[in-house]
Every structure is written in structure tokens, then in C-alpha cells.
Amino acid sequence: MKTLHFKATLLICFIGIHLGHAQIEKAPPREEGEGPWSQLIIRGVTVIDGTLSPPIGPVDIVVENNRIASVEVVGFPGLDINPNRRPKLKPGGKELNAEGMYLLPGFVDTHAHIGGTSQGTTAEYVFKLWMAHGITTICDPGCGNGIDWVVDQKKKSANNEITAPRIKAYNWFGNSLNGERGRGDITTPEAAREWVRANAKKGADGIKFGGGLPEVMTAALDENKKLGLRSKTHHAQLYVGRWNVLNSARAGLTSMEHWYGLPEALFDDRTVQNYSLDYNYQNEQDRFGEAGQLWAQAAKPYSEKWNSVMNELLSLDFSISPTMVIYEANRDLQRARRAEWHESYTLPSLWDFYAPSKQSHGSYWHFWGTEQEIDWKQNYQLWMTFLNEYKNRGGRVTVGTDAGFIYQLYGFAYPREMELLREAGFHPLEVIKAATLNGAEALGMADEIGTVKVGKFADFVIVEENPLVNLKVLYGTGAIKLMEDNTVARVGGVKYTIKDGIIYDAKKLLEDVKRIVEKAKADANYEIVQPGMKGE
């Protein structure tokens, strides 16, 4: 056996996460899914509607022409349903028997890169992993495959020509708009405004920033807001000393990514992160290792400074997409590397991309150890305290994953992010709201998706187990359960993902992904091995 080495230097742009414009293979024409029909009736489900309302069932949901036409309570738990109470199926319609199952609005991933050439992925691979986990809408922050590529896939998804979630395209600020690599060299307000207008004409839904000169950021955000588009920022440490989360929110930014720039806004006894004096930003173990010490340098929870920053962000209706999952390897590297889905669902090229490297983004395991993990565990405690209180005071926190890096796999990272919100103190109903309605609001789509409501698109997740009891049932690999006969079984995994009234068998989508991975391994005579072990 041999391992492959597909390592390639990514386009290092401000923060080193931009994927460049070497485009991956587009999704093939859709062959999966049943429908759509003129009418679809989903029978007997228990609905968790995304609004914090408790579950209710049994319910029949009627879909007509891709819109929810009615939501009818048709009985009581434990009793037979009176057929006379049920909505009638019209000629040519479709019934889906989902009795005993749970239905939720389609999930929204507010930070979802559509793969990359350095990872060796294809759009089909990424899209099917998302759809298999109930993710029916994503925001691509940065459009690493190029704005034209992403807009093309967005249109095809909207027309259901491909098997893919709905796509919102947030182009990387400074990207070339003619298919060439972006240089990130916009240095004047006039140039910023010109680029923003051109980006909108390309069909972008918004902009992903990495920071910038204050006058450039101010101009770009102002112009973007005038055009009615949305925005998000990873506040890169290269700029955060001059432009943090508060600066962005005041200038009109609609959402922050990760948490960079937030601790810096909370500094009350310093103006700069306590960098080691031999720190080098291009050394990612420096960057991520010392980032794990940042929250401890911020104002203490519930202090005057902490409260003032939070309250101002709340007043600006500011969204937070924390993507806690993408940093989880920092607090437990072994757990992230040995996740059970890697063997069957992680491409060999992607596995190789994750391995320690000095040049590939998110592969900063130069000598990651106990000290770094302890720093990050403490970092998470403080970060989670802020997020939970922000939610408690009415703030919008969404579910985003940033998967494809740092041992986090597309699709599988989503329920893990939900679990981390639960760890932060969110009630399971609040977690579901973050994954559905909050995501829809953050992307400006709440009139179309995010809740089970008459008039909205027919985007649903159906699962056989109650996700409020155990969020692990949302993983494609399900959850382990001891049955009444003392046997051990795997239960859960999304049963059906419904987008635009089209029913996708989620488990079949995962089987497709498994075949893609098996073929890649066979073609390369490949096996997953651990760094420093045989086969390297």
C-alpha cells in the first residue's frame, strides 16, 4: 500500500484560508431524489418547527408546487388517527408515510466551503455529504472555486438540475472577477466601492472579508449595504489591531465568522494580543496555538466592558457564526483524527491534506501537545459563555462548520457543531433554531426557509429518532443504542432530506459517497494511515 501526497500550497490571502480559483469538478446532472409532485403529503410526523415551539404530532404536512400549503394536526399520541381528519391526496400526488418520525426545517450551514483542489474533492462529494445530513441551504464564504463557478452551481441547484443544497455566494473581497486569482490589493475607498458594485453584477449574494485598511473596509461595507447585500468577516490578526468586530458591526457588517476580533474588542487592559516575541503569522502552529490563549486576555464575563460590547452588538442586530467545530481538534486532536466516519467517508486526498504540513492551511500539527489543548479547552469555556449569554439576550447565533479543514468532514461536522452549542448551554430547541431560523435570518432568507410555516419552501429533515433527546442521531453514522432485547444497534441518521419538495434518501446519498471514496482508494492503492506509521 502507499499513501498519496496531494499537498499544495493554498493561495495565502490575508488569513490563509482562501482556496484560490483552481476549480473543482462541478456536480453532475441530478439522478437522485423522487419528485417533485404537484402535491406531496407527509403523513403522521412529529414537527419541531424551528421557532422554539415544543414538538407537536401527529401532523400531516401538505406541499403544493414546492410550497407548504397546510400543516394539519391530525390526532393525538398513542391513538389511532381518524382518516376523516386528514387532508386528501389529489390525483397525481404523493404520500410519504412518516408516522413516528420527526420532521424539522431544512438545516442551514452559514459557513460552508464547496471543497477545493488542494483537498482533491468534487462538488458531488461535498454536496451529497451535506444533503445526507439534512443541510438544504449553505453559504459559501469566499467562493474559492470562483464566483462564476459558484453562481453556476447556485442556479443549477435552484432549478434542481443537480443534487445540492441552495447556495448563497459570498465572494472573497478583492477576488478577481474575471476568473483569475484575487490579489487582495484594494487599497483605496474608490477601488473598494468599484469592486463591490462589480461583485454584485456578477450575481454574488454578499462578501466575505478578512479584514483590511479601515477606510477600505468602511467604504466597501457602506457600498455593499446600499446594494442590499450581506457580509461576513474573519477578522484576521493582520488587521485586527486596527479593525475588530465592533468596527465591522458599526460599519454595517451583518455577520462575523469564528471568533477572531471579538476578544480583541473585549480587551480592557491591553491593545494587542500577547504574542510571543518570536511569533510568525505564517507559522500556523504559532497562529493557532497562541489564538488559544486569546479569550483569557479579554475582559472577564459579565464585567462592564464585556457587557458593553455584547449590548452594542445586540443593538446592531449582529449575527455570529462561531464554527466551534472547526477548532475542536485544537482541544482534542486524537478525537478529531479518529472520528469513526473517516474510514468510509473521507477521501484519501482529503486525509492527506489534513496531515501535518508547514504550507497547507489547517495542518499545523508541528508538535501539538497537552499545553495547547489545555489552552484551547479554557478558550472554549470563555467563548461558549459569551455565545450562550448573547443568545439569552436575544442575539442571533447560527450553525456554520467551515468543514474540509482540520479533520472536520463536510456534513458530519454539522451535528457536531450543534452538540457544541448544546455544550455551551443552548437548550436543544435553541440549537434547532440556530440551525434553521437563525441561519435563514442571517442569510436574509427567513421569508422562504427556516421554519415549518405555510408559504415557505418545502425544505425538511426527517429522522426516525428524536434529535432533542440525542443530537447524535443526526450523524450519518447514527448513534449506538442498547435495544430492549439487549442487542446493540445503530439508530438514527437522517432518513429523508427534502428540498423543494423532492425526497432524497439520505442513506443512499451516503452510500454514493462511500463508493466515491472506495473508488479513490482503489485507484490509488491507498489506505488511511497515521502520521509516522507504516505507509508514509
Protein backbone atom coordinates (compact mmCIF):
# COMPACT_ATOMS: atom_id res chain seq x y z
CA MET A 1 0.00 0.00 0.00
CA LYS A 2 1.01 3.60 -0.44
CA THR A 3 -0.25 6.94 0.75
CA LEU A 4 -0.72 9.84 -1.59
CA HIS A 5 0.64 13.32 -1.21
CA PHE A 6 -1.67 15.84 -2.80
CA LYS A 7 -0.38 18.69 -0.65
CA ALA A 8 -0.48 22.00 -2.45
CA THR A 9 0.09 25.48 -1.19
CA LEU A 10 -3.17 27.34 -0.94
CA LEU A 11 -3.49 30.89 -2.09
CA ILE A 12 -2.47 32.68 1.06
CA CYS A 13 -4.70 35.71 1.16
CA PHE A 14 -4.75 37.74 4.37
CA ILE A 15 -5.68 34.89 6.70
CA GLY A 16 -4.51 31.93 4.67
CA ILE A 17 -7.86 30.19 4.19
CA HIS A 18 -8.82 31.36 0.73
CA LEU A 19 -8.96 28.42 -1.64
CA GLY A 20 -7.90 30.06 -4.89
CA HIS A 21 -9.61 29.67 -8.24
CA ALA A 22 -8.38 26.28 -9.43
CA GLN A 23 -11.88 24.95 -9.89
CA ILE A 24 -13.07 21.56 -8.70
CA GLU A 25 -15.29 19.29 -10.75
CA LYS A 26 -18.88 20.50 -10.90
CA ALA A 27 -21.82 18.38 -9.79
CA PRO A 28 -23.24 16.01 -12.41
CA PRO A 29 -26.89 16.21 -13.57
CA ARG A 30 -29.29 15.10 -10.86
CA GLU A 31 -30.25 11.44 -10.82
CA GLU A 32 -31.20 11.22 -7.12
CA GLY A 33 -34.46 12.10 -5.43
CA GLU A 34 -38.13 11.47 -6.09
CA GLY A 35 -40.33 14.27 -7.32
CA PRO A 36 -41.31 16.98 -7.33
CA TRP A 37 -45.03 16.35 -7.45
CA SER A 38 -47.94 18.74 -7.83
CA GLN A 39 -48.86 17.67 -4.30
CA LEU A 40 -46.89 15.92 -1.56
CA ILE A 41 -48.42 14.93 1.78
CA ILE A 42 -46.10 13.89 4.60
CA ARG A 43 -48.18 11.81 6.98
CA GLY A 44 -48.05 11.44 10.74
CA VAL A 45 -44.85 13.25 11.69
CA THR A 46 -43.96 14.99 14.91
CA VAL A 47 -42.88 18.52 13.97
CA ILE A 48 -40.07 20.53 15.55
CA ASP A 49 -40.67 23.76 13.68
CA GLY A 50 -37.56 25.86 14.41
CA THR A 51 -39.32 28.62 16.36
CA LEU A 52 -38.69 27.23 19.90
CA SER A 53 -42.19 25.74 19.92
CA PRO A 54 -42.20 22.29 21.52
CA PRO A 55 -42.73 19.25 19.29
CA ILE A 56 -46.27 18.54 18.14
CA GLY A 57 -47.71 15.49 16.43
CA PRO A 58 -49.06 13.61 14.68
CA VAL A 59 -49.14 16.17 11.89
CA ASP A 60 -49.81 15.93 8.16
CA ILE A 61 -47.95 18.47 6.04
CA VAL A 62 -49.27 19.30 2.59
CA VAL A 63 -46.87 20.63 -0.05
CA GLU A 64 -48.10 22.04 -3.33
CA ASN A 65 -45.75 23.30 -6.05
CA ASN A 66 -42.79 23.36 -3.66
CA ARG A 67 -44.56 25.46 -1.03
CA ILE A 68 -46.05 24.39 2.28
CA ALA A 69 -49.79 24.58 1.69
CA SER A 70 -51.01 23.45 5.11
CA VAL A 71 -49.85 21.96 8.40
CA GLU A 72 -52.64 19.90 9.95
CA VAL A 73 -52.67 18.35 13.42
CA VAL A 74 -54.46 15.06 12.78
CA GLY A 75 -54.63 13.26 16.10
CA PHE A 76 -53.13 12.51 19.49
CA PRO A 77 -50.10 10.45 20.54
CA GLY A 78 -50.96 6.79 21.16
CA LEU A 79 -54.35 6.90 19.47
CA ASP A 80 -55.39 5.85 16.00
CA ILE A 81 -55.77 8.72 13.58
CA ASN A 82 -59.27 9.39 12.29
CA PRO A 83 -58.85 9.31 8.48
CA ASN A 84 -61.65 11.85 8.11
CA ARG A 85 -59.41 14.47 9.74
CA ARG A 86 -56.61 14.03 7.25
CA PRO A 87 -56.03 16.20 4.16
CA LYS A 88 -56.99 14.44 0.94
CA LEU A 89 -54.49 13.36 -1.67
CA LYS A 90 -55.17 14.83 -5.09
CA PRO A 91 -54.73 12.88 -8.34
CA GLY A 92 -51.04 12.73 -9.23
CA GLY A 93 -50.00 13.50 -5.69
CA LYS A 94 -47.54 11.60 -3.49
CA GLU A 95 -47.93 10.37 0.09
CA LEU A 96 -44.92 9.83 2.35
CA ASN A 97 -45.67 7.76 5.43
CA ALA A 98 -43.54 9.22 8.22
CA GLU A 99 -45.53 8.06 11.23
CA GLY A 100 -43.43 8.01 14.37
CA MET A 101 -40.73 10.13 12.75
CA TYR A 102 -39.58 13.68 13.49
CA LEU A 103 -39.60 16.50 10.94
CA LEU A 104 -37.54 19.68 11.16
CA PRO A 105 -36.92 22.56 8.75
CA GLY A 106 -34.01 22.01 6.38
CA PHE A 107 -30.69 22.85 8.03
CA VAL A 108 -28.67 25.93 7.09
CA ASP A 109 -24.86 25.88 7.14
CA THR A 110 -23.77 29.51 7.28
CA HIS A 111 -20.09 28.74 6.64
CA ALA A 112 -19.66 26.02 4.03
CA HIS A 113 -16.80 25.93 1.52
CA ILE A 114 -17.59 23.83 -1.57
CA GLY A 115 -14.34 21.87 -1.44
CA GLY A 116 -11.06 22.70 -3.09
CA THR A 117 -8.44 21.36 -5.44
CA SER A 118 -5.93 21.03 -2.62
CA GLN A 119 -8.34 18.68 -0.84
CA GLY A 120 -8.95 16.67 -4.00
CA THR A 121 -12.73 16.92 -3.63
CA THR A 122 -15.51 17.23 -6.18
CA ALA A 123 -18.76 19.13 -5.88
CA GLU A 124 -20.74 15.87 -5.97
CA TYR A 125 -18.81 14.53 -2.98
CA VAL A 126 -19.32 17.68 -0.92
CA PHE A 127 -22.95 18.27 -1.89
CA LYS A 128 -24.01 14.71 -1.13
CA LEU A 129 -22.37 14.76 2.29
CA TRP A 130 -24.30 17.94 3.09
CA MET A 131 -27.62 16.71 1.74
CA ALA A 132 -27.22 13.38 3.56
CA HIS A 133 -27.11 15.36 6.81
CA GLY A 134 -30.22 17.41 6.11
CA ILE A 135 -28.37 20.55 5.01
CA THR A 136 -30.59 22.15 2.37
CA THR A 137 -29.03 25.64 2.31
CA ILE A 138 -25.42 26.74 2.52
CA CYS A 139 -23.43 29.94 2.32
CA ASP A 140 -20.09 29.63 0.51
CA PRO A 141 -17.86 32.24 2.18
CA GLY A 142 -15.10 33.19 -0.24
CA CYS A 143 -16.23 31.37 -3.39
CA GLY A 144 -12.91 29.60 -3.61
CA ASN A 145 -13.81 27.99 -6.92
CA GLY A 146 -14.51 31.40 -8.46
CA ILE A 147 -17.67 33.49 -8.43
CA ASP A 148 -18.77 32.33 -11.88
CA TRP A 149 -18.37 28.67 -10.86
CA VAL A 150 -20.38 29.15 -7.67
CA VAL A 151 -23.14 31.18 -9.34
CA ASP A 152 -23.46 28.45 -11.98
CA GLN A 153 -23.90 25.76 -9.30
CA LYS A 154 -26.26 28.05 -7.40
CA LYS A 155 -28.55 28.41 -10.42
CA LYS A 156 -28.49 24.69 -11.17
CA SER A 157 -29.33 23.89 -7.56
CA ALA A 158 -32.20 26.37 -7.59
CA ASN A 159 -33.57 24.60 -10.67
CA ASN A 160 -32.88 21.18 -9.11
CA GLU A 161 -30.70 20.23 -12.05
CA ILE A 162 -28.11 18.92 -9.57
CA THR A 163 -28.29 17.25 -6.16
CA ALA A 164 -27.18 20.13 -3.96
CA PRO A 165 -28.33 22.50 -1.23
CA ARG A 166 -29.47 26.02 -2.03
CA ILE A 167 -26.36 28.17 -2.34
CA LYS A 168 -25.60 31.71 -1.25
CA ALA A 169 -22.40 33.07 -2.78
CA TYR A 170 -20.33 35.46 -0.64
CA ASN A 171 -17.32 36.32 -2.79
CA TRP A 172 -13.94 36.97 -1.20
CA PHE A 173 -13.24 40.71 -1.07
CA GLY A 174 -10.64 41.53 -3.67
CA ASN A 175 -11.11 38.40 -5.77
CA SER A 176 -10.61 38.97 -9.44
CA LEU A 177 -13.99 38.99 -11.13
CA ASN A 178 -12.72 37.65 -14.45
CA GLY A 179 -11.69 34.19 -13.28
CA GLU A 180 -8.13 34.99 -12.27
CA ARG A 181 -6.81 34.70 -8.76
CA GLY A 182 -7.58 37.59 -6.48
CA ARG A 183 -4.68 39.59 -5.11
CA GLY A 184 -6.39 41.31 -2.22
CA ASP A 185 -4.73 44.59 -3.14
CA ILE A 186 -7.65 47.01 -2.88
CA THR A 187 -6.13 49.95 -1.05
CA THR A 188 -8.47 52.92 -1.67
CA PRO A 189 -12.12 53.58 -0.84
CA GLU A 190 -12.85 54.30 -4.51
CA ALA A 191 -11.42 50.96 -5.63
CA ALA A 192 -13.38 49.20 -2.86
CA ARG A 193 -16.69 50.68 -3.97
CA GLU A 194 -15.99 49.85 -7.60
CA TRP A 195 -15.21 46.21 -6.74
CA VAL A 196 -18.34 45.88 -4.59
CA ARG A 197 -20.56 47.09 -7.44
CA ALA A 198 -18.89 44.73 -9.91
CA ASN A 199 -19.25 41.84 -7.46
CA ALA A 200 -22.99 42.44 -7.21
CA LYS A 201 -23.31 42.42 -11.00
CA LYS A 202 -21.62 39.01 -11.05
CA GLY A 203 -24.54 37.58 -9.06
CA ALA A 204 -22.92 37.43 -5.63
CA ASP A 205 -25.19 37.49 -2.58
CA GLY A 206 -22.59 39.13 -0.38
CA ILE A 207 -18.94 39.50 0.52
CA LYS A 208 -16.52 37.60 2.73
CA PHE A 209 -13.84 39.87 4.22
CA GLY A 210 -10.63 39.01 6.01
CA GLY A 211 -10.09 42.49 7.36
CA GLY A 212 -8.44 45.43 5.68
CA LEU A 213 -7.49 49.06 5.96
CA PRO A 214 -10.15 50.88 7.99
CA GLU A 215 -11.00 53.32 5.20
CA VAL A 216 -11.29 50.46 2.70
CA MET A 217 -13.48 48.35 4.97
CA THR A 218 -15.73 51.33 5.73
CA ALA A 219 -16.24 52.13 2.05
CA ALA A 220 -16.79 48.51 0.99
CA LEU A 221 -19.32 47.78 3.71
CA ASP A 222 -21.18 51.00 3.05
CA GLU A 223 -21.45 50.29 -0.68
CA ASN A 224 -22.43 46.67 -0.06
CA LYS A 225 -25.16 47.77 2.32
CA LYS A 226 -26.52 50.27 -0.23
CA LEU A 227 -26.87 47.40 -2.70
CA GLY A 228 -28.83 45.35 -0.16
CA LEU A 229 -26.21 42.59 0.05
CA ARG A 230 -24.89 40.86 3.15
CA SER A 231 -21.42 40.35 4.53
CA LYS A 232 -19.25 38.31 6.86
CA THR A 233 -15.71 38.70 8.14
CA HIS A 234 -12.97 36.52 9.52
CA HIS A 235 -11.16 39.27 11.42
CA ALA A 236 -7.58 38.37 10.55
CA GLN A 237 -4.90 39.09 13.11
CA LEU A 238 -3.02 41.03 10.44
CA TYR A 239 -5.68 43.74 10.71
CA VAL A 240 -7.49 43.18 13.98
CA GLY A 241 -5.35 45.67 15.90
CA ARG A 242 -6.97 48.37 13.76
CA TRP A 243 -10.32 46.78 12.87
CA ASN A 244 -12.16 44.44 15.24
CA VAL A 245 -15.71 43.16 15.49
CA LEU A 246 -17.14 46.40 16.80
CA ASN A 247 -15.63 48.36 13.92
CA SER A 248 -17.18 45.93 11.44
CA ALA A 249 -20.60 45.89 13.09
CA ARG A 250 -20.73 49.69 13.25
CA ALA A 251 -19.82 49.89 9.57
CA GLY A 252 -22.66 47.57 8.58
CA LEU A 253 -21.24 44.04 8.67
CA THR A 254 -24.10 41.55 9.06
CA SER A 255 -22.21 38.54 10.48
CA MET A 256 -18.87 37.62 11.99
CA GLU A 257 -17.18 34.27 11.36
CA HIS A 258 -15.37 32.23 14.02
CA TRP A 259 -14.44 34.49 16.93
CA TYR A 260 -11.37 36.46 15.86
CA GLY A 261 -11.80 40.15 16.52
CA LEU A 262 -14.25 39.57 19.37
CA PRO A 263 -11.76 39.02 22.21
CA GLU A 264 -9.80 42.00 20.84
CA ALA A 265 -12.93 44.14 21.11
CA LEU A 266 -13.14 42.96 24.73
CA PHE A 267 -9.60 43.98 25.71
CA ASP A 268 -9.67 46.25 28.76
CA ASP A 269 -6.06 46.14 29.95
CA ARG A 270 -4.16 45.92 26.64
CA THR A 271 -4.47 46.85 22.99
CA VAL A 272 -2.79 43.85 21.37
CA GLN A 273 -2.71 40.09 21.81
CA ASN A 274 0.18 38.93 23.98
CA TYR A 275 2.17 37.49 21.09
CA SER A 276 5.36 35.58 21.78
CA LEU A 277 8.25 37.72 20.60
CA ASP A 278 9.33 35.11 18.05
CA TYR A 279 5.78 34.67 16.72
CA ASN A 280 5.39 34.39 12.95
CA TYR A 281 1.91 34.58 11.41
CA GLN A 282 2.93 32.27 8.58
CA ASN A 283 3.80 29.58 11.11
CA GLU A 284 0.34 28.18 11.73
CA GLN A 285 1.23 26.46 14.99
CA ASP A 286 2.17 29.91 16.26
CA ARG A 287 -1.06 31.35 14.88
CA PHE A 288 -3.46 28.71 16.19
CA GLY A 289 -1.51 27.81 19.29
CA GLU A 290 -1.47 31.36 20.61
CA ALA A 291 -5.03 32.01 19.44
CA GLY A 292 -5.97 29.50 22.11
CA GLN A 293 -4.81 31.99 24.74
CA LEU A 294 -6.84 34.93 23.43
CA TRP A 295 -10.09 34.70 25.37
CA ALA A 296 -8.15 34.61 28.64
CA GLN A 297 -6.74 38.04 27.72
CA ALA A 298 -10.21 39.56 27.21
CA ALA A 299 -12.46 41.20 29.78
CA LYS A 300 -13.99 38.79 32.27
CA PRO A 301 -17.53 37.53 31.64
CA TYR A 302 -20.27 39.91 32.83
CA SER A 303 -17.79 42.69 33.53
CA GLU A 304 -18.62 46.24 32.45
CA LYS A 305 -16.51 46.01 29.28
CA TRP A 306 -17.83 42.54 28.41
CA ASN A 307 -21.43 43.70 28.81
CA SER A 308 -20.94 46.91 26.86
CA VAL A 309 -19.51 45.10 23.82
CA MET A 310 -22.25 42.49 23.88
CA ASN A 311 -25.01 45.05 24.23
CA GLU A 312 -23.72 47.14 21.34
CA LEU A 313 -23.56 44.09 19.05
CA LEU A 314 -27.11 43.21 20.07
CA SER A 315 -28.29 46.72 19.27
CA LEU A 316 -26.83 46.36 15.77
CA ASP A 317 -28.73 43.08 15.11
CA PHE A 318 -25.39 41.37 14.57
CA SER A 319 -25.13 37.65 13.74
CA ILE A 320 -22.42 35.30 14.99
CA SER A 321 -21.40 32.17 13.09
CA PRO A 322 -18.98 30.67 15.63
CA THR A 323 -17.90 27.48 13.78
CA MET A 324 -16.67 25.97 17.04
CA VAL A 325 -16.36 22.58 15.37
CA ILE A 326 -13.54 23.62 13.05
CA TYR A 327 -11.24 24.29 16.02
CA GLU A 328 -12.21 21.28 18.07
CA ALA A 329 -9.09 19.32 17.14
CA ASN A 330 -7.19 22.05 18.97
CA ARG A 331 -8.60 20.84 22.27
CA ASP A 332 -8.54 17.10 21.47
CA LEU A 333 -6.51 16.23 18.40
CA GLN A 334 -6.77 12.47 18.85
CA ARG A 335 -10.57 12.54 18.96
CA ALA A 336 -10.83 14.57 15.76
CA ARG A 337 -8.37 12.34 13.90
CA ARG A 338 -10.04 9.09 14.91
CA ALA A 339 -13.67 10.02 14.23
CA GLU A 340 -15.39 6.86 13.01
CA TRP A 341 -16.59 8.29 9.71
CA HIS A 342 -13.11 8.97 8.34
CA GLU A 343 -12.55 5.37 7.24
CA SER A 344 -15.60 5.20 4.97
CA TYR A 345 -16.34 8.79 4.01
CA THR A 346 -13.07 10.78 3.97
CA LEU A 347 -11.33 10.87 0.60
CA PRO A 348 -7.67 9.78 0.64
CA SER A 349 -6.64 13.13 -0.83
CA LEU A 350 -8.53 14.95 1.93
CA TRP A 351 -6.98 12.75 4.61
CA ASP A 352 -3.55 13.52 3.22
CA PHE A 353 -4.41 17.23 3.17
CA TYR A 354 -5.16 17.12 6.90
CA ALA A 355 -1.73 15.69 7.79
CA PRO A 356 0.95 17.91 9.39
CA SER A 357 2.44 20.40 6.94
CA LYS A 358 4.13 23.77 7.03
CA GLN A 359 2.34 25.04 3.95
CA SER A 360 -1.24 23.69 3.84
CA HIS A 361 -3.81 25.64 5.80
CA GLY A 362 -5.16 23.93 8.92
CA SER A 363 -2.35 21.35 9.00
CA TYR A 364 -0.43 22.97 11.84
CA TRP A 365 0.33 19.87 13.86
CA HIS A 366 4.05 20.61 14.03
CA PHE A 367 4.21 19.31 17.59
CA TRP A 368 0.73 19.85 19.02
CA GLY A 369 0.54 18.85 22.65
CA THR A 370 -1.05 18.93 26.05
CA GLU A 371 -0.30 22.59 26.72
CA GLN A 372 -2.01 23.76 23.55
CA GLU A 373 -5.03 21.55 24.20
CA ILE A 374 -5.45 22.84 27.75
CA ASP A 375 -5.28 26.44 26.50
CA TRP A 376 -7.98 25.67 23.95
CA LYS A 377 -10.23 23.92 26.45
CA GLN A 378 -10.16 27.04 28.60
CA ASN A 379 -10.62 29.17 25.48
CA TYR A 380 -13.80 27.26 24.65
CA GLN A 381 -15.24 27.79 28.13
CA LEU A 382 -14.97 31.55 27.83
CA TRP A 383 -16.10 31.61 24.20
CA MET A 384 -19.13 29.47 24.99
CA THR A 385 -20.06 31.71 27.91
CA PHE A 386 -20.24 34.68 25.55
CA LEU A 387 -22.26 32.80 22.93
CA ASN A 388 -24.78 31.47 25.42
CA GLU A 389 -25.35 34.84 27.01
CA TYR A 390 -25.55 36.51 23.59
CA LYS A 391 -28.33 34.06 22.74
CA ASN A 392 -30.02 34.63 26.10
CA ARG A 393 -30.17 38.37 25.45
CA GLY A 394 -31.77 37.87 22.03
CA GLY A 395 -28.67 37.68 19.86
CA ARG A 396 -28.53 35.58 16.72
CA VAL A 397 -26.12 32.63 16.75
CA THR A 398 -26.07 30.34 13.72
CA VAL A 399 -24.68 26.92 12.83
CA GLY A 400 -21.69 27.03 10.48
CA THR A 401 -18.94 24.46 10.07
CA ASP A 402 -16.05 25.57 7.80
CA ALA A 403 -15.53 21.86 7.12
CA GLY A 404 -12.86 20.48 4.82
CA PHE A 405 -10.04 21.52 7.13
CA ILE A 406 -8.58 20.39 10.45
CA TYR A 407 -10.03 16.84 10.37
CA GLN A 408 -13.62 18.08 10.04
CA LEU A 409 -15.61 16.40 7.28
CA TYR A 410 -18.40 18.00 5.29
CA GLY A 411 -21.83 17.04 6.61
CA PHE A 412 -20.56 15.19 9.67
CA ALA A 413 -19.26 18.44 11.14
CA TYR A 414 -22.79 19.85 11.26
CA PRO A 415 -24.32 17.79 14.09
CA ARG A 416 -21.04 18.21 15.95
CA GLU A 417 -21.43 22.00 15.82
CA MET A 418 -24.95 21.52 17.14
CA GLU A 419 -23.58 19.45 20.00
CA LEU A 420 -21.08 22.18 20.83
CA LEU A 421 -23.88 24.74 21.07
CA ARG A 422 -25.59 22.34 23.44
CA GLU A 423 -22.37 22.17 25.47
CA ALA A 424 -22.34 25.97 25.54
CA GLY A 425 -25.70 25.92 27.33
CA PHE A 426 -28.26 26.08 24.50
CA HIS A 427 -31.43 24.08 25.05
CA PRO A 428 -31.88 21.52 22.24
CA LEU A 429 -34.76 23.62 20.89
CA GLU A 430 -32.43 26.61 20.82
CA VAL A 431 -29.89 24.52 18.94
CA ILE A 432 -32.50 23.63 16.32
CA LYS A 433 -33.47 27.30 16.00
CA ALA A 434 -29.80 28.22 15.48
CA ALA A 435 -29.60 25.59 12.73
CA THR A 436 -32.76 26.69 10.96
CA LEU A 437 -34.48 30.04 11.58
CA ASN A 438 -31.34 31.84 12.79
CA GLY A 439 -29.41 30.70 9.74
CA ALA A 440 -32.22 31.77 7.44
CA GLU A 441 -32.37 35.20 9.07
CA ALA A 442 -28.62 35.67 8.87
CA LEU A 443 -28.72 34.98 5.12
CA GLY A 444 -31.78 37.15 4.54
CA MET A 445 -33.93 34.12 3.65
CA ALA A 446 -36.35 33.90 6.57
CA ASP A 447 -39.35 34.58 4.31
CA GLU A 448 -38.53 31.44 2.32
CA ILE A 449 -36.92 28.89 4.65
CA GLY A 450 -36.05 28.24 8.29
CA THR A 451 -39.38 27.21 9.81
CA VAL A 452 -42.26 24.86 9.03
CA LYS A 453 -44.76 27.51 8.01
CA VAL A 454 -47.39 27.82 5.31
CA GLY A 455 -45.98 29.57 2.26
CA LYS A 456 -42.34 28.63 2.77
CA PHE A 457 -40.29 26.29 0.61
CA ALA A 458 -40.67 22.57 1.25
CA ASP A 459 -37.24 22.00 2.79
CA PHE A 460 -37.31 19.40 5.57
CA VAL A 461 -35.20 16.97 7.55
CA ILE A 462 -36.89 13.73 8.62
CA VAL A 463 -35.29 11.42 11.18
CA GLU A 464 -36.64 8.32 12.92
CA GLU A 465 -35.27 9.21 16.36
CA ASN A 466 -35.95 12.30 18.46
CA PRO A 467 -32.98 14.67 17.95
CA LEU A 468 -33.92 16.68 21.05
CA VAL A 469 -33.19 13.62 23.18
CA ASN A 470 -29.90 12.87 21.46
CA LEU A 471 -28.38 15.12 18.78
CA LYS A 472 -26.07 12.25 17.80
CA VAL A 473 -28.91 10.68 15.83
CA LEU A 474 -28.28 13.39 13.21
CA TYR A 475 -24.85 11.98 12.32
CA GLY A 476 -24.77 9.95 9.13
CA THR A 477 -23.31 7.11 11.17
CA GLY A 478 -26.17 7.37 13.67
CA ALA A 479 -25.94 6.68 17.39
CA ILE A 480 -25.29 3.48 19.32
CA LYS A 481 -28.28 2.26 21.32
CA LEU A 482 -28.88 -0.76 23.56
CA MET A 483 -32.18 -2.28 22.50
CA GLU A 484 -34.84 -3.93 24.63
CA ASP A 485 -33.55 -7.40 23.72
CA ASN A 486 -30.05 -6.43 24.98
CA THR A 487 -28.63 -6.20 21.47
CA VAL A 488 -26.62 -3.19 20.34
CA ALA A 489 -27.81 -1.31 17.28
CA ARG A 490 -27.07 1.86 15.38
CA VAL A 491 -30.10 4.08 15.15
CA GLY A 492 -30.80 7.38 13.51
CA GLY A 493 -29.03 9.14 10.74
CA VAL A 494 -31.24 11.39 8.63
CA LYS A 495 -33.90 9.27 6.90
CA TYR A 496 -35.06 11.76 4.29
CA THR A 497 -33.81 15.14 3.20
CA ILE A 498 -36.49 17.06 1.33
CA LYS A 499 -35.54 20.09 -0.74
CA ASP A 500 -38.02 21.88 -2.99
CA GLY A 501 -40.48 19.05 -2.35
CA ILE A 502 -38.04 16.48 -3.77
CA ILE A 503 -37.47 13.50 -1.46
CA TYR A 504 -33.87 12.34 -1.14
CA ASP A 505 -32.99 9.09 0.61
CA ALA A 506 -30.21 10.38 2.88
CA LYS A 507 -28.70 6.97 3.45
CA LYS A 508 -28.45 6.32 -0.28
CA LEU A 509 -26.60 9.60 -0.67
CA LEU A 510 -24.10 8.39 1.92
CA GLU A 511 -23.74 5.13 0.02
CA ASP A 512 -22.88 7.18 -3.06
CA VAL A 513 -20.20 8.99 -1.10
CA LYS A 514 -18.83 5.71 0.21
CA ARG A 515 -18.49 4.43 -3.35
CA ILE A 516 -16.67 7.61 -4.38
CA VAL A 517 -14.20 7.07 -1.54
CA GLU A 518 -13.77 3.36 -2.26
CA LYS A 519 -13.02 4.09 -5.91
CA ALA A 520 -10.48 6.77 -4.98
CA LYS A 521 -8.73 4.35 -2.64
CA ALA A 522 -8.72 1.57 -5.21
CA ASP A 523 -7.41 3.84 -7.96
CA ALA A 524 -4.53 4.90 -5.75
CA ASN A 525 -3.92 1.61 -3.89
CA TYR A 526 -4.41 3.69 -0.78
CA GLU A 527 -5.09 3.17 2.91
CA ILE A 528 -5.53 5.69 5.68
CA VAL A 529 -2.51 5.60 7.95
CA GLN A 530 -1.41 7.66 10.89
CA PRO A 531 1.49 10.12 10.57
CA GLY A 532 4.80 8.48 11.33
CA MET A 533 3.41 4.97 10.83
CA LYS A 534 3.79 2.47 8.00
CA GLY A 535 2.96 3.59 4.51
CA GLU A 536 4.16 7.17 4.89
